[in-house]
PDB file of N, CA and C in Angstrom:
ATOM      1  N   MET A   1      15.539  -3.812 -27.827  1.00  0.00           N
ATOM      2  CA  MET A   1      14.763  -5.080 -27.669  1.00  0.00           C
ATOM      3  C   MET A   1      15.628  -5.892 -26.802  1.00  0.00           C
ATOM      4  N   ASN A   2      17.014  -6.200 -27.027  1.00  0.00           N
ATOM      5  CA  ASN A   2      17.863  -6.855 -26.543  1.00  0.00           C
ATOM      6  C   ASN A   2      17.756  -6.554 -24.792  1.00  0.00           C
ATOM      7  N   PHE A   3      17.737  -5.374 -24.476  1.00  0.00           N
ATOM      8  CA  PHE A   3      17.706  -4.872 -23.189  1.00  0.00           C
ATOM      9  C   PHE A   3      16.118  -5.381 -22.245  1.00  0.00           C
ATOM     10  N   PHE A   4      15.215  -5.451 -23.108  1.00  0.00           N
ATOM     11  CA  PHE A   4      14.209  -6.020 -22.408  1.00  0.00           C
ATOM     12  C   PHE A   4      14.229  -7.485 -22.331  1.00  0.00           C
ATOM     13  N   ALA A   5      14.820  -7.869 -23.119  1.00  0.00           N
ATOM     14  CA  ALA A   5      14.849  -9.464 -23.243  1.00  0.00           C
ATOM     15  C   ALA A   5      15.955  -9.692 -21.916  1.00  0.00           C
ATOM     16  N   LYS A   6      17.148  -8.825 -22.047  1.00  0.00           N
ATOM     17  CA  LYS A   6      18.182  -9.261 -20.823  1.00  0.00           C
ATOM     18  C   LYS A   6      17.461  -9.178 -19.369  1.00  0.00           C
ATOM     19  N   PHE A   7      16.738  -8.357 -19.284  1.00  0.00           N
ATOM     20  CA  PHE A   7      16.197  -8.253 -18.007  1.00  0.00           C
ATOM     21  C   PHE A   7      14.858  -9.081 -17.427  1.00  0.00           C
ATOM     22  N   TYR A   8      14.170  -9.667 -18.439  1.00  0.00           N
ATOM     23  CA  TYR A   8      12.863 -10.009 -18.467  1.00  0.00           C
ATOM     24  C   TYR A   8      12.843 -11.583 -17.251  1.00  0.00           C
ATOM     25  N   GLY A   9      13.850 -12.270 -17.266  1.00  0.00           N
ATOM     26  CA  GLY A   9      13.821 -12.816 -16.172  1.00  0.00           C
ATOM     27  C   GLY A   9      13.588 -12.457 -14.720  1.00  0.00           C
ATOM     28  N   PHE A  10      14.768 -11.266 -14.729  1.00  0.00           N
ATOM     29  CA  PHE A  10      14.648 -10.780 -13.341  1.00  0.00           C
ATOM     30  C   PHE A  10      13.513 -10.153 -13.063  1.00  0.00           C
ATOM     31  N   PHE A  11      12.841  -9.167 -13.785  1.00  0.00           N
ATOM     32  CA  PHE A  11      11.550  -8.562 -13.518  1.00  0.00           C
ATOM     33  C   PHE A  11      10.349  -9.692 -13.286  1.00  0.00           C
ATOM     34  N   SER A  12      10.357 -10.576 -14.117  1.00  0.00           N
ATOM     35  CA  SER A  12       9.289 -11.770 -13.952  1.00  0.00           C
ATOM     36  C   SER A  12       9.490 -12.429 -12.562  1.00  0.00           C
ATOM     37  N   THR A  13      10.712 -12.731 -12.277  1.00  0.00           N
ATOM     38  CA  THR A  13      10.550 -13.661 -10.764  1.00  0.00           C
ATOM     39  C   THR A  13      10.300 -12.403  -9.576  1.00  0.00           C
ATOM     40  N   ARG A  14      10.691 -11.146 -10.046  1.00  0.00           N
ATOM     41  CA  ARG A  14      10.387 -10.101  -9.083  1.00  0.00           C
ATOM     42  C   ARG A  14       8.416  -9.879  -8.994  1.00  0.00           C
ATOM     43  N   ILE A  15       8.288  -9.992  -9.932  1.00  0.00           N
ATOM     44  CA  ILE A  15       6.730  -9.730 -10.203  1.00  0.00           C
ATOM     45  C   ILE A  15       5.883 -11.219  -9.338  1.00  0.00           C
ATOM     46  N   GLU A  16       6.242 -12.183  -9.740  1.00  0.00           N
ATOM     47  CA  GLU A  16       5.670 -13.625  -9.335  1.00  0.00           C
ATOM     48  C   GLU A  16       6.072 -13.311  -7.682  1.00  0.00           C
ATOM     49  N   ALA A  17       6.933 -13.069  -7.030  1.00  0.00           N
ATOM     50  CA  ALA A  17       7.515 -12.937  -5.732  1.00  0.00           C
ATOM     51  C   ALA A  17       6.372 -11.861  -5.041  1.00  0.00           C
ATOM     52  N   LEU A  18       6.199 -10.727  -5.879  1.00  0.00           N
ATOM     53  CA  LEU A  18       5.162  -9.867  -5.079  1.00  0.00           C
ATOM     54  C   LEU A  18       3.835 -10.224  -5.361  1.00  0.00           C
ATOM     55  N   LYS A  19       3.232 -10.833  -6.313  1.00  0.00           N
ATOM     56  CA  LYS A  19       2.077 -11.427  -6.179  1.00  0.00           C
ATOM     57  C   LYS A  19       1.714 -12.285  -5.142  1.00  0.00           C
ATOM     58  N   LYS A  20       2.645 -13.295  -4.391  1.00  0.00           N
ATOM     59  CA  LYS A  20       2.427 -14.012  -3.595  1.00  0.00           C
ATOM     60  C   LYS A  20       2.307 -13.468  -2.440  1.00  0.00           C
ATOM     61  N   VAL A  21       3.166 -12.055  -2.019  1.00  0.00           N
ATOM     62  CA  VAL A  21       3.098 -11.352  -0.671  1.00  0.00           C
ATOM     63  C   VAL A  21       2.056 -10.494  -0.741  1.00  0.00           C
ATOM     64  N   VAL A  22       1.686  -9.876  -1.693  1.00  0.00           N
ATOM     65  CA  VAL A  22       0.791  -8.765  -1.771  1.00  0.00           C
ATOM     66  C   VAL A  22      -0.714  -9.273  -1.845  1.00  0.00           C
ATOM     67  N   ASP A  23      -1.501  -8.886  -0.940  1.00  0.00           N
ATOM     68  CA  ASP A  23      -2.864  -9.435  -1.027  1.00  0.00           C
ATOM     69  C   ASP A  23      -3.894  -8.378  -1.673  1.00  0.00           C
ATOM     70  N   VAL A  24      -5.194  -8.622  -2.103  1.00  0.00           N
ATOM     71  CA  VAL A  24      -6.069  -7.728  -2.663  1.00  0.00           C
ATOM     72  C   VAL A  24      -6.521  -6.645  -1.346  1.00  0.00           C
ATOM     73  N   ARG A  25      -6.573  -7.340  -0.121  1.00  0.00           N
ATOM     74  CA  ARG A  25      -6.771  -6.472   1.076  1.00  0.00           C
ATOM     75  C   ARG A  25      -5.915  -5.342   1.422  1.00  0.00           C
ATOM     76  N   ASP A  26      -4.809  -5.818   0.799  1.00  0.00           N
ATOM     77  CA  ASP A  26      -3.615  -4.893   1.274  1.00  0.00           C
ATOM     78  C   ASP A  26      -3.554  -3.516   0.455  1.00  0.00           C
ATOM     79  N   VAL A  27      -3.898  -4.049  -0.933  1.00  0.00           N
ATOM     80  CA  VAL A  27      -4.261  -3.017  -1.961  1.00  0.00           C
ATOM     81  C   VAL A  27      -5.528  -2.213  -1.445  1.00  0.00           C
ATOM     82  N   LEU A  28      -6.511  -2.626  -1.228  1.00  0.00           N
ATOM     83  CA  LEU A  28      -7.804  -1.996  -1.042  1.00  0.00           C
ATOM     84  C   LEU A  28      -7.339  -0.907   0.304  1.00  0.00           C
ATOM     85  N   ILE A  29      -6.692  -1.519   1.426  1.00  0.00           N
ATOM     86  CA  ILE A  29      -6.709  -0.729   2.631  1.00  0.00           C
ATOM     87  C   ILE A  29      -5.933   0.171   2.476  1.00  0.00           C
ATOM     88  N   LEU A  30      -4.421  -0.001   1.717  1.00  0.00           N
ATOM     89  CA  LEU A  30      -3.831   1.262   1.441  1.00  0.00           C
ATOM     90  C   LEU A  30      -4.467   2.177   0.317  1.00  0.00           C
ATOM     91  N   SER A  31      -5.307   1.897  -0.500  1.00  0.00           N
ATOM     92  CA  SER A  31      -5.674   2.986  -1.512  1.00  0.00           C
ATOM     93  C   SER A  31      -6.948   3.614  -0.856  1.00  0.00           C
ATOM     94  N   GLY A  32      -7.544   3.013   0.052  1.00  0.00           N
ATOM     95  CA  GLY A  32      -8.876   3.562   0.857  1.00  0.00           C
ATOM     96  C   GLY A  32      -8.171   4.726   1.902  1.00  0.00           C
ATOM     97  N   LEU A  33      -7.398   4.198   2.588  1.00  0.00           N
ATOM     98  CA  LEU A  33      -6.650   5.178   3.512  1.00  0.00           C
ATOM     99  C   LEU A  33      -6.044   6.563   2.610  1.00  0.00           C
ATOM    100  N   SER A  34      -5.334   6.088   1.415  1.00  0.00           N
ATOM    101  CA  SER A  34      -4.734   7.233   0.732  1.00  0.00           C
ATOM    102  C   SER A  34      -6.074   8.251  -0.033  1.00  0.00           C
ATOM    103  N   MET A  35      -6.884   7.638  -0.245  1.00  0.00           N
ATOM    104  CA  MET A  35      -7.947   8.559  -0.537  1.00  0.00           C
ATOM    105  C   MET A  35      -8.568   9.200   0.600  1.00  0.00           C
ATOM    106  N   LEU A  36      -8.918   8.791   1.615  1.00  0.00           N
ATOM    107  CA  LEU A  36      -9.424   9.354   3.019  1.00  0.00           C
ATOM    108  C   LEU A  36      -8.628  10.417   3.613  1.00  0.00           C
ATOM    109  N   GLY A  37      -7.062  10.200   3.214  1.00  0.00           N
ATOM    110  CA  GLY A  37      -6.630  11.114   3.615  1.00  0.00           C
ATOM    111  C   GLY A  37      -6.238  12.433   3.010  1.00  0.00           C
ATOM    112  N   TYR A  38      -6.348  12.044   1.664  1.00  0.00           N
ATOM    113  CA  TYR A  38      -6.227  13.358   0.613  1.00  0.00           C
ATOM    114  C   TYR A  38      -7.503  13.986   0.732  1.00  0.00           C
ATOM    115  N   GLY A  39      -8.847  13.430   1.052  1.00  0.00           N
ATOM    116  CA  GLY A  39     -10.002  14.074   0.830  1.00  0.00           C
ATOM    117  C   GLY A  39      -9.834  14.720   2.396  1.00  0.00           C
ATOM    118  N   LEU A  40      -9.454  14.459   3.487  1.00  0.00           N
ATOM    119  CA  LEU A  40      -9.330  15.214   4.388  1.00  0.00           C
ATOM    120  C   LEU A  40      -8.550  15.922   4.453  1.00  0.00           C
ATOM    121  N   TYR A  41      -7.366  16.138   3.749  1.00  0.00           N
ATOM    122  CA  TYR A  41      -6.506  17.121   3.531  1.00  0.00           C
ATOM    123  C   TYR A  41      -6.885  18.121   2.751  1.00  0.00           C
ATOM    124  N   LEU A  42      -7.543  18.162   1.929  1.00  0.00           N
ATOM    125  CA  LEU A  42      -8.395  19.352   1.303  1.00  0.00           C
ATOM    126  C   LEU A  42      -9.379  19.960   2.200  1.00  0.00           C
ATOM    127  N   LEU A  43     -10.043  19.533   2.868  1.00  0.00           N
ATOM    128  CA  LEU A  43     -10.970  19.947   4.013  1.00  0.00           C
ATOM    129  C   LEU A  43      -9.935  20.951   5.241  1.00  0.00           C
ATOM    130  N   TYR A  44      -9.385  19.751   6.043  1.00  0.00           N
ATOM    131  CA  TYR A  44      -8.377  20.324   7.004  1.00  0.00           C
ATOM    132  C   TYR A  44      -7.134  19.395   7.021  1.00  0.00           C
ATOM    133  N   PRO A  45      -5.918  20.013   7.085  1.00  0.00           N
ATOM    134  CA  PRO A  45      -4.767  19.166   6.735  1.00  0.00           C
ATOM    135  C   PRO A  45      -4.617  18.515   8.146  1.00  0.00           C
ATOM    136  N   TRP A  46      -4.717  19.235   9.039  1.00  0.00           N
ATOM    137  CA  TRP A  46      -4.200  18.736  10.614  1.00  0.00           C
ATOM    138  C   TRP A  46      -5.318  17.679  10.665  1.00  0.00           C
ATOM    139  N   LEU A  47      -6.577  17.604  10.396  1.00  0.00           N
ATOM    140  CA  LEU A  47      -7.454  16.422  10.455  1.00  0.00           C
ATOM    141  C   LEU A  47      -7.025  15.176   9.756  1.00  0.00           C
ATOM    142  N   SER A  48      -6.411  15.330   8.522  1.00  0.00           N
ATOM    143  CA  SER A  48      -6.073  14.351   7.748  1.00  0.00           C
ATOM    144  C   SER A  48      -4.759  13.557   8.638  1.00  0.00           C
ATOM    145  N   PHE A  49      -3.899  14.280   9.171  1.00  0.00           N
ATOM    146  CA  PHE A  49      -2.879  13.567   9.554  1.00  0.00           C
ATOM    147  C   PHE A  49      -3.185  12.817  10.852  1.00  0.00           C
ATOM    148  N   THR A  50      -4.261  13.389  11.730  1.00  0.00           N
ATOM    149  CA  THR A  50      -4.632  12.781  12.889  1.00  0.00           C
ATOM    150  C   THR A  50      -5.612  11.589  12.707  1.00  0.00           C
ATOM    151  N   VAL A  51      -6.445  11.623  11.632  1.00  0.00           N
ATOM    152  CA  VAL A  51      -7.081  10.629  11.251  1.00  0.00           C
ATOM    153  C   VAL A  51      -6.505   9.322  10.955  1.00  0.00           C
ATOM    154  N   CYS A  52      -5.432   9.738   9.936  1.00  0.00           N
ATOM    155  CA  CYS A  52      -4.969   8.685   9.243  1.00  0.00           C
ATOM    156  C   CYS A  52      -3.760   8.188  10.290  1.00  0.00           C
ATOM    157  N   GLY A  53      -3.138   9.007  10.710  1.00  0.00           N
ATOM    158  CA  GLY A  53      -2.360   8.392  12.072  1.00  0.00           C
ATOM    159  C   GLY A  53      -2.858   7.484  12.956  1.00  0.00           C
ATOM    160  N   ALA A  54      -4.043   7.753  13.220  1.00  0.00           N
ATOM    161  CA  ALA A  54      -4.923   6.622  14.208  1.00  0.00           C
ATOM    162  C   ALA A  54      -5.185   5.582  13.515  1.00  0.00           C
ATOM    163  N   LEU A  55      -5.750   5.749  12.225  1.00  0.00           N
ATOM    164  CA  LEU A  55      -5.942   4.462  11.552  1.00  0.00           C
ATOM    165  C   LEU A  55      -4.873   3.486  11.348  1.00  0.00           C
ATOM    166  N   ILE A  56      -3.927   4.219  10.916  1.00  0.00           N
ATOM    167  CA  ILE A  56      -2.519   3.240  11.039  1.00  0.00           C
ATOM    168  C   ILE A  56      -1.959   2.694  12.026  1.00  0.00           C
ATOM    169  N   LEU A  57      -2.245   3.312  13.705  1.00  0.00           N
ATOM    170  CA  LEU A  57      -1.908   2.806  14.602  1.00  0.00           C
ATOM    171  C   LEU A  57      -2.913   1.584  14.995  1.00  0.00           C
ATOM    172  N   ALA A  58      -4.171   1.814  14.791  1.00  0.00           N
ATOM    173  CA  ALA A  58      -5.346   0.827  15.034  1.00  0.00           C
ATOM    174  C   ALA A  58      -4.674  -0.536  14.320  1.00  0.00           C
ATOM    175  N   GLY A  59      -4.450  -0.225  12.974  1.00  0.00           N
ATOM    176  CA  GLY A  59      -4.170  -1.307  12.079  1.00  0.00           C
ATOM    177  C   GLY A  59      -2.950  -2.240  12.735  1.00  0.00           C
ATOM    178  N   GLY A  60      -1.963  -1.301  12.829  1.00  0.00           N
ATOM    179  CA  GLY A  60      -0.759  -1.715  13.441  1.00  0.00           C
ATOM    180  C   GLY A  60      -0.850  -2.623  15.073  1.00  0.00           C
ATOM    181  N   PHE A  61      -2.052  -1.927  15.875  1.00  0.00           N
ATOM    182  CA  PHE A  61      -2.063  -2.668  17.108  1.00  0.00           C
ATOM    183  C   PHE A  61      -2.623  -3.967  16.995  1.00  0.00           C
ATOM    184  N   PHE A  62      -3.903  -4.039  15.829  1.00  0.00           N
ATOM    185  CA  PHE A  62      -4.667  -5.177  15.783  1.00  0.00           C
ATOM    186  C   PHE A  62      -4.260  -5.988  14.639  1.00  0.00           C
ATOM    187  N   MET A  63      -2.989  -6.052  14.346  1.00  0.00           N
ATOM    188  CA  MET A  63      -2.323  -6.698  13.076  1.00  0.00           C
ATOM    189  C   MET A  63      -2.100  -8.281  13.755  1.00  0.00           C
ATOM    190  N   LYS A  64      -2.390  -9.004  13.041  1.00  0.00           N
ATOM    191  CA  LYS A  64      -2.250 -10.615  13.293  1.00  0.00           C
ATOM    192  C   LYS A  64      -0.909 -10.954  13.028  1.00  0.00           C
ATOM    193  N   VAL A  65      -0.176 -11.227  13.879  1.00  0.00           N
ATOM    194  CA  VAL A  65       1.010 -11.902  13.809  1.00  0.00           C
ATOM    195  C   VAL A  65       1.001 -13.629  14.215  1.00  0.00           C
ATOM    196  N   ASP A  66       1.766 -14.063  13.078  1.00  0.00           N
ATOM    197  CA  ASP A  66       1.596 -15.751  13.063  1.00  0.00           C
ATOM    198  C   ASP A  66       3.152 -15.910  13.899  1.00  0.00           C
TER     199      ASP A  66
END
């Protein structure tokens, strides 16, 4: 019990910072890309790497930079 109480402040501040940085859209995009990649990997592994690589490239290319 003392172990958890000792690190509670450390983990709570990290979780709060993570909540401010990560958006719901980020989670949905990454989970959708992962499921697409896994599904295509079951069909043809080369197709999976090609499609997911192209989607990551397109996402990075069209990413909005402030």
